[in-house]
Amino acid sequence: MAPPRAANRRISWQQVPDRVRDAVEAVLGASVVEALTQEGGFSPGAAARLRLANGLSAFVKAIGIDLHPNSVGLYRREAATMPHLPAGLPVPRLLDVYDDGNWIALVYEEVNGRHPELPWRLNELQCVADAITNLGAALQPSPWREGPGFVDANGAFLRAWEELAAEPPTEAEPWLRRHLDQLAAQEIDVAELFGGDALLHNDIRSDNVLLTPEGGVVFLDWGATCNGAQWLDVVLFALSVNAEGGADAEMLVRGHPLTRDVAASWIDVVLLAAVATYWRQSRLPEDPLLPGSRAYQGAYADATVRWMKRRPPG
């Protein structure tokens, strides 16, 4: 079962404060005559393709602290990341950043592309998997060595499986309890395991990817970037593919150049961290700022458990 779709509760471009819209138009050198909201994801912020009076176009995303404070931090990390990405990388070009301390807007060139079809079509999945291989090669060594490390940026995520092992909920099935105990007994050092000198996107999934008419792949939304082991982007991407359906995530990680030689127990740590994180989040009260997110998190946890059950022993 694929996870539920996002609730599509983005604000429109017209709901962005006047001062932000005026600043964006000043950067673009023309007034906006049409704004097409791009749905997808759970962010309540604006995401719009803009048509300008001079015939040109752009893409803008904007959000304020009062709308969703956590997302503001992601936008700022994205703004800090983009200048470090090497020329020729398949990413949209950042034109400008507006940040008044409350509202932030990222102004990009518009990319002519669409998100992959879901459930995944195998030819599109192969295109994205190949692009991730090239992305990994281009971003190792990291062009932003001062960026956050994977363990620091994802500390709560990486501790989640250990916490679940220490105190599993009563509804946890025996299989999961045994697997957690076996992995905990290995006393894995996650800092050593996930450390590395590659810059990771850290959030590759279908709604952060565009497929172009020329057959290219463009990676969007660089707000979760961090430095770590090169193979992590493949496993985290496979988590989303597994939940979205249409493809075998196990075949993806076992066949991909960046993960085929990675120990099964290392991948298990990531998968169990995802199960524990999504499971715990799904049991929290519904977030009124992100409607539908709890059902989404629960579906991801359940899908990941099903994947782990069919994984061959490492």
Protein backbone atom coordinates (compact mmCIF):
# COMPACT_ATOMS: atom_id res chain seq x y z
CA MET A 1 0.00 0.00 0.00
CA ALA A 2 1.39 3.38 -0.99
CA PRO A 3 1.44 6.09 1.65
CA PRO A 4 -1.33 8.69 1.55
CA ARG A 5 -0.78 11.69 -0.65
CA ALA A 6 -0.01 15.09 0.83
CA ALA A 7 -3.00 17.11 1.92
CA ASN A 8 -2.30 19.93 -0.57
CA ARG A 9 -2.76 22.75 1.91
CA ARG A 10 -0.16 25.13 0.48
CA ILE A 11 -0.88 28.82 0.67
CA SER A 12 -1.18 30.60 -2.65
CA TRP A 13 1.29 33.16 -3.97
CA GLN A 14 -1.32 35.84 -3.27
CA GLN A 15 -1.30 34.90 0.43
CA VAL A 16 2.44 35.59 0.75
CA PRO A 17 2.99 39.00 2.42
CA ASP A 18 3.21 41.99 0.08
CA ARG A 19 6.77 42.82 1.13
CA VAL A 20 7.97 39.36 0.11
CA ARG A 21 6.19 39.43 -3.24
CA ASP A 22 7.47 42.95 -3.95
CA ALA A 23 11.05 41.86 -3.21
CA VAL A 24 10.75 38.85 -5.52
CA GLU A 25 9.37 40.97 -8.36
CA ALA A 26 12.24 43.43 -7.86
CA VAL A 27 14.76 40.61 -8.22
CA LEU A 28 13.05 39.25 -11.31
CA GLY A 29 12.71 42.70 -12.87
CA ALA A 30 9.05 42.30 -13.79
CA SER A 31 5.64 41.94 -12.20
CA VAL A 32 3.98 38.56 -11.74
CA VAL A 33 0.98 38.11 -14.03
CA GLU A 34 0.23 34.48 -13.14
CA ALA A 35 1.21 32.17 -10.28
CA LEU A 36 0.60 28.43 -10.56
CA THR A 37 0.72 26.65 -7.20
CA GLN A 38 2.73 23.39 -7.24
CA GLU A 39 1.17 20.87 -4.89
CA GLY A 40 3.01 18.01 -3.23
CA GLY A 41 4.77 17.41 0.05
CA PHE A 42 3.39 18.47 3.41
CA SER A 43 4.82 21.97 3.66
CA PRO A 44 2.13 24.65 4.02
CA GLY A 45 4.39 27.22 2.35
CA ALA A 46 3.88 28.70 -1.09
CA ALA A 47 5.47 26.92 -4.06
CA ALA A 48 4.62 28.52 -7.37
CA ARG A 49 5.66 28.75 -10.98
CA LEU A 50 5.56 32.44 -11.80
CA ARG A 51 4.74 33.95 -15.20
CA LEU A 52 6.12 37.46 -15.57
CA ALA A 53 4.98 40.52 -17.51
CA ASN A 54 8.20 40.43 -19.58
CA GLY A 55 7.40 36.91 -20.82
CA LEU A 56 9.93 35.13 -18.59
CA SER A 57 9.22 32.70 -15.76
CA ALA A 58 10.66 31.56 -12.43
CA PHE A 59 9.93 29.26 -9.52
CA VAL A 60 9.56 30.56 -5.96
CA LYS A 61 8.94 28.92 -2.62
CA ALA A 62 8.24 30.98 0.47
CA ILE A 63 7.34 30.35 4.09
CA GLY A 64 7.15 32.26 7.37
CA ILE A 65 7.98 31.32 10.94
CA ASP A 66 4.35 31.74 11.98
CA LEU A 67 3.30 29.33 9.22
CA HIS A 68 5.80 26.53 10.00
CA PRO A 69 8.96 27.37 11.96
CA ASN A 70 10.81 24.11 11.21
CA SER A 71 10.57 24.68 7.48
CA VAL A 72 12.22 28.09 7.78
CA GLY A 73 15.36 26.37 9.06
CA LEU A 74 15.30 23.96 6.10
CA TYR A 75 14.98 26.87 3.66
CA ARG A 76 17.98 28.57 5.27
CA ARG A 77 20.09 25.43 5.02
CA GLU A 78 19.07 25.11 1.38
CA ALA A 79 20.11 28.72 0.74
CA ALA A 80 23.46 28.00 2.41
CA THR A 81 23.96 24.79 0.41
CA MET A 82 23.28 25.96 -3.14
CA PRO A 83 26.40 28.14 -3.61
CA HIS A 84 28.60 25.14 -2.73
CA LEU A 85 27.17 22.80 -5.36
CA PRO A 86 29.52 22.33 -8.32
CA ALA A 87 28.68 23.74 -11.74
CA GLY A 88 26.87 21.29 -13.99
CA LEU A 89 25.07 19.49 -11.18
CA PRO A 90 21.44 18.67 -12.15
CA VAL A 91 19.83 21.22 -9.83
CA PRO A 92 17.84 24.40 -10.50
CA ARG A 93 19.82 27.63 -10.42
CA LEU A 94 19.20 29.77 -7.33
CA LEU A 95 18.63 33.37 -8.43
CA ASP A 96 18.15 35.08 -5.08
CA VAL A 97 17.15 34.69 -1.44
CA TYR A 98 14.81 36.95 0.52
CA ASP A 99 15.04 36.59 4.30
CA ASP A 100 13.72 39.22 6.69
CA GLY A 101 14.05 37.06 9.79
CA ASN A 102 10.41 36.00 9.68
CA TRP A 103 9.69 35.17 6.05
CA ILE A 104 12.11 33.55 3.65
CA ALA A 105 11.72 33.08 -0.10
CA LEU A 106 14.00 31.18 -2.48
CA VAL A 107 13.85 32.34 -6.10
CA TYR A 108 14.90 29.76 -8.71
CA GLU A 109 15.03 29.42 -12.43
CA GLU A 110 12.05 27.41 -13.62
CA VAL A 111 12.74 23.80 -14.62
CA ASN A 112 10.67 22.25 -17.38
CA GLY A 113 9.90 18.88 -15.86
CA ARG A 114 7.46 16.66 -13.99
CA HIS A 115 7.56 14.37 -10.99
CA PRO A 116 7.89 10.61 -11.61
CA GLU A 117 4.72 8.57 -12.00
CA LEU A 118 3.56 6.70 -8.90
CA PRO A 119 3.55 3.81 -8.35
CA TRP A 120 7.05 3.89 -9.82
CA ARG A 121 7.60 2.98 -13.46
CA LEU A 122 10.77 0.92 -13.76
CA ASN A 123 12.28 2.98 -16.59
CA GLU A 124 11.84 6.19 -14.60
CA LEU A 125 13.25 4.58 -11.47
CA GLN A 126 16.33 3.48 -13.41
CA CYS A 127 16.84 7.04 -14.66
CA VAL A 128 16.73 8.40 -11.12
CA ALA A 129 18.95 5.61 -9.75
CA ASP A 130 21.56 6.33 -12.44
CA ALA A 131 21.37 10.04 -11.67
CA ILE A 132 21.99 9.33 -7.98
CA THR A 133 25.14 7.43 -8.97
CA ASN A 134 26.38 10.47 -10.88
CA LEU A 135 25.33 12.78 -8.06
CA GLY A 136 27.33 10.73 -5.56
CA ALA A 137 30.43 10.89 -7.75
CA ALA A 138 30.12 14.67 -8.15
CA LEU A 139 29.66 15.28 -4.42
CA GLN A 140 32.54 13.20 -3.07
CA PRO A 141 34.61 14.71 -1.63
CA SER A 142 32.09 17.15 -0.24
CA PRO A 143 32.18 20.63 -1.76
CA TRP A 144 30.82 21.95 1.57
CA ARG A 145 33.05 20.49 4.25
CA GLU A 146 31.73 22.97 6.82
CA GLY A 147 28.19 21.63 6.41
CA PRO A 148 26.56 19.56 9.18
CA GLY A 149 27.45 15.88 9.55
CA PHE A 150 24.85 13.16 8.98
CA VAL A 151 24.89 12.00 12.59
CA ASP A 152 24.54 15.55 13.93
CA ALA A 153 21.76 16.42 11.46
CA ASN A 154 19.88 13.14 12.04
CA GLY A 155 20.66 12.38 15.68
CA ALA A 156 17.06 11.77 16.74
CA PHE A 157 16.51 9.55 13.71
CA LEU A 158 19.57 7.42 14.44
CA ARG A 159 18.75 7.04 18.13
CA ALA A 160 15.17 6.04 17.43
CA TRP A 161 15.84 2.32 16.83
CA GLU A 162 17.93 2.06 20.00
CA GLU A 163 15.13 3.67 21.99
CA LEU A 164 12.60 1.34 20.39
CA ALA A 165 14.78 -1.66 21.29
CA ALA A 166 15.11 -0.49 24.88
CA GLU A 167 11.38 0.02 25.32
CA PRO A 168 9.34 -1.57 22.51
CA PRO A 169 5.63 -0.74 22.53
CA THR A 170 3.29 -3.51 23.59
CA GLU A 171 1.87 -3.77 20.06
CA ALA A 172 5.29 -4.47 18.51
CA GLU A 173 5.26 -7.92 16.96
CA PRO A 174 7.77 -10.57 18.17
CA TRP A 175 9.70 -10.50 14.86
CA LEU A 176 10.49 -6.83 15.27
CA ARG A 177 11.48 -7.25 18.92
CA ARG A 178 13.91 -10.05 18.02
CA HIS A 179 15.42 -8.05 15.20
CA LEU A 180 15.92 -5.01 17.41
CA ASP A 181 17.58 -7.14 20.10
CA GLN A 182 19.94 -8.78 17.60
CA LEU A 183 21.00 -5.46 16.14
CA ALA A 184 21.39 -3.80 19.55
CA ALA A 185 23.67 -6.67 20.63
CA GLN A 186 26.11 -5.72 17.87
CA GLU A 187 26.80 -2.38 19.62
CA ILE A 188 27.08 -0.53 16.32
CA ASP A 189 28.88 2.82 16.38
CA VAL A 190 26.58 4.93 14.19
CA ALA A 191 29.03 7.84 14.10
CA GLU A 192 31.65 5.61 12.51
CA LEU A 193 29.14 3.75 10.36
CA PHE A 194 27.54 6.78 8.75
CA GLY A 195 30.50 9.13 8.75
CA GLY A 196 31.99 10.02 5.39
CA ASP A 197 33.24 12.76 3.13
CA ALA A 198 30.33 12.93 0.68
CA LEU A 199 27.75 15.70 0.57
CA LEU A 200 24.34 14.04 0.80
CA HIS A 201 21.04 15.38 -0.45
CA ASN A 202 19.49 13.40 2.43
CA ASP A 203 15.91 13.69 1.17
CA ILE A 204 15.67 12.20 -2.33
CA ARG A 205 12.13 11.04 -3.04
CA SER A 206 9.64 11.36 -5.88
CA ASP A 207 8.40 14.85 -4.99
CA ASN A 208 11.99 16.16 -4.81
CA VAL A 209 12.81 14.95 -8.33
CA LEU A 210 11.84 16.31 -11.74
CA LEU A 211 12.12 14.37 -14.99
CA THR A 212 12.81 16.61 -17.98
CA PRO A 213 11.48 16.10 -21.54
CA GLU A 214 15.08 15.45 -22.67
CA GLY A 215 15.36 12.46 -20.33
CA GLY A 216 17.29 14.23 -17.58
CA VAL A 217 16.78 14.17 -13.82
CA VAL A 218 16.82 17.33 -11.69
CA PHE A 219 17.13 17.16 -7.89
CA LEU A 220 15.13 19.72 -5.88
CA ASP A 221 14.85 20.80 -2.24
CA TRP A 222 18.35 20.77 -0.76
CA GLY A 223 17.27 21.79 2.74
CA ALA A 224 18.38 18.58 4.49
CA THR A 225 21.94 18.39 3.14
CA CYS A 226 24.73 17.01 5.31
CA ASN A 227 28.05 15.23 5.03
CA GLY A 228 28.24 11.47 5.47
CA ALA A 229 28.65 8.04 3.88
CA GLN A 230 27.95 8.16 0.15
CA TRP A 231 25.62 5.13 0.19
CA LEU A 232 23.07 6.69 2.55
CA ASP A 233 21.28 8.66 -0.17
CA VAL A 234 20.47 5.41 -1.99
CA VAL A 235 19.04 3.68 1.09
CA LEU A 236 16.96 6.69 2.10
CA PHE A 237 15.67 6.97 -1.47
CA ALA A 238 14.85 3.26 -1.49
CA LEU A 239 12.76 3.74 1.66
CA SER A 240 10.48 6.10 -0.24
CA VAL A 241 10.38 3.86 -3.33
CA ASN A 242 9.38 0.92 -1.15
CA ALA A 243 6.49 2.90 0.36
CA GLU A 244 5.34 4.40 -2.96
CA GLY A 245 5.18 1.05 -4.74
CA GLY A 246 5.83 -0.19 -8.24
CA ALA A 247 9.38 -1.41 -7.62
CA ASP A 248 11.39 -3.70 -5.37
CA ALA A 249 13.46 -1.59 -2.98
CA GLU A 250 15.62 -4.58 -2.06
CA MET A 251 16.63 -5.06 -5.70
CA LEU A 252 17.41 -1.36 -5.89
CA VAL A 253 19.85 -1.36 -2.98
CA ARG A 254 21.40 -4.74 -3.85
CA GLY A 255 22.04 -3.67 -7.43
CA HIS A 256 22.98 -0.02 -7.06
CA PRO A 257 26.71 0.79 -7.38
CA LEU A 258 26.71 2.80 -4.16
CA THR A 259 25.03 0.14 -1.98
CA ARG A 260 25.60 -3.31 -3.43
CA ASP A 261 28.73 -3.84 -1.32
CA VAL A 262 27.33 -2.31 1.87
CA ALA A 263 26.83 -4.74 4.76
CA ALA A 264 23.22 -5.81 5.26
CA SER A 265 23.39 -4.95 8.96
CA TRP A 266 24.34 -1.36 8.13
CA ILE A 267 21.28 -1.02 5.93
CA ASP A 268 19.17 -2.64 8.66
CA VAL A 269 20.19 0.14 11.04
CA VAL A 270 18.81 2.75 8.64
CA LEU A 271 15.60 0.80 8.03
CA LEU A 272 14.99 0.22 11.73
CA ALA A 273 15.66 3.87 12.46
CA ALA A 274 13.02 4.75 9.85
CA VAL A 275 10.52 2.27 11.33
CA ALA A 276 11.07 3.58 14.84
CA THR A 277 10.94 7.24 13.81
CA TYR A 278 7.83 6.99 11.65
CA TRP A 279 6.08 4.67 14.11
CA ARG A 280 6.65 7.04 17.00
CA GLN A 281 5.64 10.12 14.98
CA SER A 282 2.50 8.45 13.66
CA ARG A 283 1.24 7.99 17.24
CA LEU A 284 1.52 11.68 18.10
CA PRO A 285 -1.52 13.98 17.91
CA GLU A 286 -2.29 15.28 14.42
CA ASP A 287 -0.25 18.36 13.55
CA PRO A 288 -2.74 21.03 12.42
CA LEU A 289 0.02 22.65 10.36
CA LEU A 290 0.69 19.40 8.46
CA PRO A 291 -2.69 17.68 8.03
CA GLY A 292 -2.44 14.05 6.95
CA SER A 293 1.17 13.63 8.06
CA ARG A 294 0.42 11.04 10.78
CA ALA A 295 -1.27 8.64 8.37
CA TYR A 296 1.64 9.16 5.97
CA GLN A 297 4.17 8.33 8.70
CA GLY A 298 2.26 5.24 9.79
CA ALA A 299 2.08 3.93 6.22
CA TYR A 300 5.84 4.44 5.81
CA ALA A 301 6.55 2.51 9.03
CA ASP A 302 4.33 -0.40 8.00
CA ALA A 303 5.80 -0.53 4.49
CA THR A 304 9.35 -0.56 5.86
CA VAL A 305 8.58 -3.43 8.23
CA ARG A 306 7.21 -5.42 5.30
CA TRP A 307 10.43 -4.75 3.37
CA MET A 308 12.60 -5.83 6.29
CA LYS A 309 10.68 -9.10 6.63
CA ARG A 310 11.47 -10.10 3.09
CA ARG A 311 15.15 -9.08 3.22
CA PRO A 312 17.61 -12.00 3.01
CA PRO A 313 19.79 -12.49 6.09
CA GLY A 314 23.01 -10.45 6.01
